[in-house]
Protein backbone atom coordinates (compact mmCIF):
# COMPACT_ATOMS: atom_id res chain seq x y z
CA MET A 1 -57.15 144.74 97.59
CA THR A 2 -54.39 143.14 99.63
CA ARG A 3 -51.24 144.99 100.67
CA LYS A 4 -49.31 142.94 98.12
CA GLU A 5 -51.71 143.89 95.30
CA LEU A 6 -51.58 147.57 96.25
CA THR A 7 -47.77 147.44 96.29
CA GLN A 8 -47.78 145.82 92.84
CA VAL A 9 -50.01 148.60 91.48
CA PHE A 10 -47.74 151.32 92.88
CA ASP A 11 -44.65 149.51 91.55
CA ALA A 12 -46.28 149.39 88.09
CA PHE A 13 -46.38 153.21 88.07
CA ASP A 14 -42.58 153.20 87.65
CA LYS A 15 -42.84 151.84 84.11
CA MET A 16 -45.49 154.27 82.86
CA HIS A 17 -45.10 157.28 80.55
CA ILE A 18 -47.78 159.98 80.84
CA LEU A 19 -48.19 162.76 78.26
CA ILE A 20 -49.47 165.99 79.83
CA ILE A 21 -50.83 168.64 77.46
CA GLY A 22 -51.98 172.03 78.69
CA ASP A 23 -51.17 175.32 80.35
CA VAL A 24 -47.90 175.49 82.27
CA MET A 25 -46.90 178.31 84.60
CA VAL A 26 -44.57 179.49 87.32
CA ASP A 27 -45.97 179.43 90.85
CA SER A 28 -44.10 182.16 92.72
CA TYR A 29 -44.27 182.48 96.49
CA LEU A 30 -43.48 185.51 98.62
CA TRP A 31 -43.28 184.61 102.31
CA GLY A 32 -43.28 187.12 105.15
CA ASP A 33 -44.60 188.39 108.45
CA VAL A 34 -47.46 190.81 109.02
CA ASN A 35 -47.19 192.92 112.18
CA ARG A 36 -48.90 196.17 111.27
CA ILE A 37 -51.36 197.92 108.97
CA SER A 38 -50.26 200.44 106.37
CA PRO A 39 -50.82 204.12 107.25
CA GLU A 40 -51.50 204.75 103.53
CA ALA A 41 -54.50 202.40 103.24
CA PRO A 42 -56.23 199.77 105.42
CA VAL A 43 -54.05 196.95 104.16
CA PRO A 44 -51.49 194.74 105.92
CA ILE A 45 -47.77 195.37 105.48
CA ILE A 46 -45.79 192.21 104.86
CA ALA A 47 -42.09 192.13 105.78
CA THR A 48 -40.69 189.58 103.36
CA THR A 49 -38.66 186.66 104.67
CA GLY A 50 -38.20 184.73 101.45
CA ARG A 51 -39.16 184.08 97.83
CA GLU A 52 -39.48 180.84 95.91
CA ASN A 53 -40.44 179.81 92.38
CA ARG A 54 -42.04 176.45 91.65
CA LEU A 55 -43.50 174.70 88.61
CA GLY A 56 -47.24 175.24 88.31
CA GLY A 57 -50.27 174.36 86.23
CA ALA A 58 -49.71 171.37 83.97
CA ALA A 59 -46.10 171.32 85.19
CA ASN A 60 -47.33 170.59 88.71
CA VAL A 61 -49.15 167.59 87.27
CA ALA A 62 -45.80 166.50 85.82
CA LEU A 63 -44.22 166.82 89.28
CA ASN A 64 -46.98 164.65 90.74
CA ILE A 65 -46.51 162.03 88.03
CA GLN A 66 -42.76 162.08 88.67
CA SER A 67 -43.27 161.85 92.45
CA LEU A 68 -45.39 158.74 91.90
CA GLY A 69 -42.51 157.08 90.03
CA ALA A 70 -43.77 157.43 86.45
CA THR A 71 -42.20 159.42 83.61
CA PRO A 72 -44.03 162.67 82.72
CA ILE A 73 -43.74 164.18 79.24
CA MET A 74 -45.07 167.74 79.09
CA CYS A 75 -46.32 169.44 75.96
CA SER A 76 -47.08 173.16 76.15
CA VAL A 77 -46.22 176.66 74.92
CA ILE A 78 -44.32 179.29 76.90
CA ALA A 79 -42.86 182.69 75.97
CA ASN A 80 -39.33 183.81 75.26
CA ASP A 81 -39.36 186.01 78.36
CA GLU A 82 -37.83 186.14 81.84
CA ALA A 83 -40.56 183.96 83.32
CA GLY A 84 -40.06 181.48 80.47
CA ASP A 85 -36.37 181.28 81.35
CA ILE A 86 -37.26 180.67 85.00
CA PHE A 87 -39.67 177.94 83.92
CA MET A 88 -36.99 176.16 81.86
CA GLN A 89 -34.52 176.42 84.76
CA LEU A 90 -37.13 174.88 87.07
CA LEU A 91 -37.63 172.01 84.63
CA LYS A 92 -33.90 171.35 84.65
CA GLY A 93 -33.70 171.64 88.42
CA ASN A 94 -36.50 169.11 88.81
CA GLN A 95 -34.96 166.76 86.22
CA LEU A 96 -38.01 167.00 83.96
CA PRO A 97 -37.70 166.69 80.15
CA ALA A 98 -38.13 169.89 78.15
CA ASN A 99 -38.47 168.35 74.68
CA GLY A 100 -42.25 168.84 74.70
CA ILE A 101 -42.07 172.59 75.41
CA ILE A 102 -42.44 175.10 72.57
CA SER A 103 -41.09 178.63 73.09
CA SER A 104 -42.72 181.55 71.30
CA GLY A 105 -42.12 185.28 71.24
CA LYS A 106 -45.82 185.98 70.87
CA ARG A 107 -47.10 185.04 74.33
CA LYS A 108 -46.46 185.83 78.00
CA THR A 109 -45.44 183.02 80.35
CA THR A 110 -48.04 182.74 83.11
CA VAL A 111 -46.84 183.60 86.63
CA LYS A 112 -49.03 183.28 89.73
CA THR A 113 -47.53 185.02 92.76
CA ARG A 114 -48.94 184.01 96.14
CA ILE A 115 -48.25 186.18 99.19
CA ILE A 116 -48.28 184.11 102.38
CA SER A 117 -47.82 184.96 106.05
CA GLN A 118 -47.94 182.47 108.94
CA ASN A 119 -49.32 179.86 106.51
CA GLN A 120 -52.17 182.25 105.61
CA HIS A 121 -52.73 183.00 101.93
CA LEU A 122 -53.16 186.80 101.82
CA LEU A 123 -53.13 187.67 98.12
CA ARG A 124 -52.47 186.25 94.65
CA ILE A 125 -51.17 188.23 91.68
CA ASP A 126 -51.59 186.76 88.18
CA GLU A 127 -49.46 187.81 85.20
CA GLU A 128 -50.71 186.10 82.05
CA GLU A 129 -52.24 186.08 78.59
CA ASN A 130 -55.20 183.78 78.14
CA HIS A 131 -56.24 184.17 74.51
CA PRO A 132 -56.21 180.99 72.37
CA LEU A 133 -53.06 180.12 70.45
CA GLU A 134 -52.89 181.71 67.02
CA ALA A 135 -53.31 179.34 64.06
CA SER A 136 -49.61 178.80 63.29
CA LEU A 137 -48.74 177.98 66.92
CA GLU A 138 -51.81 175.76 67.21
CA LYS A 139 -50.71 173.69 64.20
CA LYS A 140 -47.14 173.53 65.52
CA LEU A 141 -48.41 172.23 68.86
CA GLN A 142 -50.61 169.61 67.18
CA ALA A 143 -47.69 168.37 65.08
CA HIS A 144 -45.54 168.25 68.21
CA ILE A 145 -48.16 166.17 70.06
CA GLU A 146 -48.34 163.70 67.16
CA ASP A 147 -44.55 163.44 67.09
CA LEU A 148 -44.41 162.72 70.84
CA LEU A 149 -47.09 160.04 70.51
CA ASN A 150 -45.11 158.40 67.72
CA THR A 151 -41.81 158.64 69.62
CA TYR A 152 -42.80 157.37 73.06
CA LYS A 153 -44.96 154.52 74.33
CA ILE A 154 -47.55 156.63 76.12
CA ASP A 155 -49.73 154.95 78.76
CA ALA A 156 -52.17 157.86 79.22
CA ILE A 157 -52.75 161.45 78.12
CA ILE A 158 -53.80 164.18 80.56
CA PHE A 159 -55.40 167.39 79.26
CA GLU A 160 -54.60 169.96 81.96
CA ASP A 161 -56.72 172.98 81.08
CA TYR A 162 -56.36 176.27 82.95
CA ASP A 163 -58.13 178.41 80.32
CA LYS A 164 -54.85 180.08 79.31
CA GLY A 165 -55.26 179.26 75.61
CA VAL A 166 -52.85 176.39 74.93
CA LEU A 167 -55.68 173.88 74.60
CA THR A 168 -58.03 174.77 71.73
CA PRO A 169 -61.03 172.79 70.38
CA ALA A 170 -59.08 171.76 67.27
CA THR A 171 -56.09 170.52 69.31
CA ILE A 172 -58.35 168.67 71.74
CA GLU A 173 -60.31 166.94 68.96
CA ALA A 174 -57.19 165.96 66.99
CA THR A 175 -55.45 164.57 70.07
CA ILE A 176 -58.45 162.53 71.23
CA LYS A 177 -58.74 160.95 67.76
CA LEU A 178 -55.03 160.11 67.79
CA ALA A 179 -55.28 158.62 71.26
CA GLN A 180 -58.30 156.52 70.31
CA SER A 181 -56.50 155.18 67.25
CA LYS A 182 -53.61 154.09 69.49
CA GLY A 183 -55.76 152.77 72.35
CA ILE A 184 -54.41 155.35 74.82
CA PRO A 185 -56.73 156.48 77.66
CA THR A 186 -57.38 160.22 77.89
CA LEU A 187 -58.08 162.15 81.09
CA VAL A 188 -59.26 165.74 81.47
CA ASP A 189 -58.97 168.34 84.22
CA PRO A 190 -61.29 170.91 82.58
CA LYS A 191 -62.06 174.58 82.85
CA LYS A 192 -65.06 176.54 81.59
CA ARG A 193 -63.93 177.63 78.11
CA ASN A 194 -63.44 174.15 76.62
CA PHE A 195 -65.73 172.28 78.99
CA ASN A 196 -67.86 170.73 76.24
CA GLU A 197 -65.03 170.06 73.78
CA TYR A 198 -63.78 166.75 75.25
CA LYS A 199 -66.19 164.35 73.60
CA GLY A 200 -65.09 160.74 73.73
CA VAL A 201 -62.53 160.98 76.53
CA THR A 202 -61.90 158.15 78.98
CA PHE A 203 -62.02 160.12 82.23
CA PHE A 204 -63.41 163.59 82.91
CA LYS A 205 -62.64 165.24 86.27
CA PRO A 206 -64.11 168.65 87.13
CA ASN A 207 -64.72 170.01 90.59
CA LEU A 208 -68.32 170.81 91.47
CA LYS A 209 -68.04 174.53 90.69
CA GLU A 210 -66.52 173.77 87.27
CA PHE A 211 -69.26 171.23 86.53
CA LYS A 212 -72.04 173.65 87.45
CA GLU A 213 -70.56 176.45 85.34
CA GLY A 214 -69.37 174.34 82.41
CA ALA A 215 -72.45 172.14 82.01
CA LYS A 216 -74.83 174.90 83.17
CA VAL A 217 -76.50 172.71 85.79
CA ASP A 218 -77.97 173.82 89.11
CA VAL A 219 -76.93 171.09 91.55
CA ASN A 220 -75.28 170.95 94.95
CA SER A 221 -73.27 168.35 96.84
CA ASN A 222 -76.14 167.60 99.23
CA ASP A 223 -78.48 166.59 96.38
CA LYS A 224 -76.98 163.25 95.42
CA LYS A 225 -79.90 162.27 93.22
CA GLY A 226 -79.82 165.53 91.27
CA LEU A 227 -76.05 165.41 90.97
CA LEU A 228 -76.11 161.84 89.69
CA GLN A 229 -78.83 162.67 87.16
CA ALA A 230 -76.91 165.70 85.85
CA ALA A 231 -73.68 163.69 85.58
CA THR A 232 -75.41 160.79 83.81
CA THR A 233 -76.95 163.14 81.26
CA PHE A 234 -73.60 164.85 80.68
CA ILE A 235 -71.62 161.66 80.04
CA LYS A 236 -74.25 160.43 77.57
CA GLU A 237 -74.17 163.73 75.67
CA GLN A 238 -70.37 163.86 75.67
CA ASN A 239 -69.72 160.12 75.17
CA ILE A 240 -67.48 160.06 78.26
CA ARG A 241 -66.57 156.70 79.79
CA ASN A 242 -65.94 157.82 83.39
CA PHE A 243 -66.93 161.07 85.09
CA MET A 244 -65.55 162.02 88.51
CA VAL A 245 -66.55 165.23 90.27
CA THR A 246 -64.62 166.42 93.34
CA MET A 247 -66.65 168.15 96.05
CA ALA A 248 -64.10 169.31 98.66
CA GLU A 249 -65.29 168.27 102.14
CA LYS A 250 -68.08 166.17 100.57
CA GLY A 251 -65.61 163.86 98.84
CA VAL A 252 -66.00 162.65 95.25
CA MET A 253 -68.58 161.02 93.01
CA ILE A 254 -67.60 158.76 90.11
CA VAL A 255 -70.10 157.75 87.44
CA ASN A 256 -70.12 155.70 84.24
CA GLN A 257 -72.88 154.15 82.13
CA ASN A 258 -73.30 151.23 84.55
CA LYS A 259 -72.20 152.24 88.05
CA HIS A 260 -71.80 155.16 90.41
CA TYR A 261 -70.11 155.64 93.77
CA PHE A 262 -70.08 158.43 96.35
CA ILE A 263 -66.83 158.41 98.34
CA PRO A 264 -66.66 160.63 101.44
CA ALA A 265 -63.70 162.88 102.15
CA GLU A 266 -61.22 161.95 104.87
CA VAL A 267 -61.05 164.19 107.94
CA ARG A 268 -57.95 166.35 107.44
CA ASP A 269 -56.09 169.28 108.96
CA ILE A 270 -56.30 171.44 105.83
CA ALA A 271 -53.44 173.90 105.29
CA ASP A 272 -53.88 174.77 101.58
CA VAL A 273 -56.12 173.37 98.82
CA SER A 274 -53.91 174.76 96.03
CA GLY A 275 -52.81 172.06 93.62
CA ALA A 276 -55.07 169.33 94.98
CA GLY A 277 -56.81 168.97 91.62
CA ASP A 278 -53.44 168.42 89.93
CA THR A 279 -52.72 165.58 92.34
CA VAL A 280 -56.14 164.00 91.84
CA ILE A 281 -55.85 163.89 88.03
CA SER A 282 -52.26 162.57 88.24
CA VAL A 283 -53.17 159.70 90.54
CA SER A 284 -56.28 158.98 88.48
CA ALA A 285 -54.23 158.72 85.27
CA LEU A 286 -51.84 156.18 86.75
CA CYS A 287 -54.62 154.15 88.38
CA VAL A 288 -56.63 154.09 85.12
CA SER A 289 -53.49 153.00 83.24
CA ALA A 290 -52.99 150.25 85.82
CA GLY A 291 -56.49 148.95 85.05
CA LEU A 292 -58.05 149.58 88.45
CA GLU A 293 -61.82 149.59 88.90
CA GLU A 294 -63.60 152.95 89.04
CA GLN A 295 -64.26 152.84 92.78
CA LEU A 296 -60.59 152.21 93.56
CA VAL A 297 -59.44 154.94 91.17
CA ALA A 298 -61.72 157.43 92.88
CA GLY A 299 -60.82 156.25 96.38
CA ILE A 300 -57.07 156.47 95.90
CA ALA A 301 -57.27 159.81 94.06
CA ASN A 302 -59.53 161.19 96.81
CA MET A 303 -56.99 160.23 99.47
CA ALA A 304 -54.14 161.77 97.47
CA GLY A 305 -55.96 165.07 97.06
CA GLY A 306 -56.58 165.22 100.79
CA LEU A 307 -52.99 164.41 101.70
CA VAL A 308 -51.51 167.32 99.68
CA CYS A 309 -54.00 169.72 101.30
CA GLU A 310 -52.25 169.11 104.62
CA HIS A 311 -49.19 171.00 103.31
CA PRO A 312 -48.98 174.76 102.66
CA GLY A 313 -48.41 175.77 99.06
CA VAL A 314 -48.58 173.63 95.93
CA VAL A 315 -46.71 170.38 96.57
CA PRO A 316 -46.67 167.01 94.75
CA ILE A 317 -47.98 163.86 96.41
CA ASP A 318 -45.57 161.66 98.36
CA LYS A 319 -45.81 158.14 96.89
CA GLN A 320 -44.89 156.28 100.07
CA GLU A 321 -47.24 158.39 102.19
CA LEU A 322 -50.09 157.61 99.80
CA LEU A 323 -49.28 153.90 99.73
CA GLU A 324 -49.24 153.76 103.54
CA GLU A 325 -52.67 155.40 103.67
CA CYS A 326 -53.94 152.93 101.05
CA PHE A 327 -52.70 150.11 103.29
CA GLU A 328 -54.60 151.62 106.21
CA LYS A 329 -57.85 152.49 104.42
CA LEU A 330 -58.14 150.03 101.52
CA ALA A 331 -56.14 146.86 102.27
CA GLU A 332 -58.17 143.76 103.07
């Protein structure tokens, strides 16, 4: 593509509306310095220097969509608890719409607390409930999704699954059918529990570990032939149009019924891989909506995932930074 064509694609993002359905959470950070070991146990003592709460999970996908210029619409369930209040305040602070969020007194809002010293990730503490939504909440969520699809002109739907229970087989199936009836592309960032429930989606994006566990295949990133064969079998069984697996330092592979591409990773100074998958699915959704070919979708998403890994913590992609790298690596 030329620089002008790439610019036109990135400008087109500004007019898109992306519906994100899945597990939202609060990413909490505790920063500090470690200078000694505890006399009580062989563990480091961290002297805290600061705390910060950020939007996480599917909400981090929304931040990436917003950072790329498009309009994110989140649909999820949180609790009527302190963490739920923090989550809603973070939405407001980031100027994200809250009309897709359902509050319930029957669940706990997920909080992931990361303890970091000198840019080193020392420990993570998870506070959560991960059982599937009960029937009444599940039906309420499905009705809410249908209402959002009827209210807004949605350019793509992202299922952002963290195995926390918001996405259930019934909700997934109903939403895919609705999307197909409206001609809306669907993209999935899967986890193990619902891995085989996304039949008929447009774009399926696991990492290699998730693919091996979810599809129960014994492949590795060095065996390109075996990986391609496993992916081809999976997309036929699941009726998936495009399948992209991310393989960290080995890059990505994208496969459909007719073509496949292996795209190597860029050499990076990696600070933190947290949130890279959220960035990859966000960029993929916008590129698919823009009608780009599979190889370009994978190439741009691969670059975006690498760029956010250069920053500590979970951060959204910088649109201009990504465009500049596309100019450098992809422009003719």
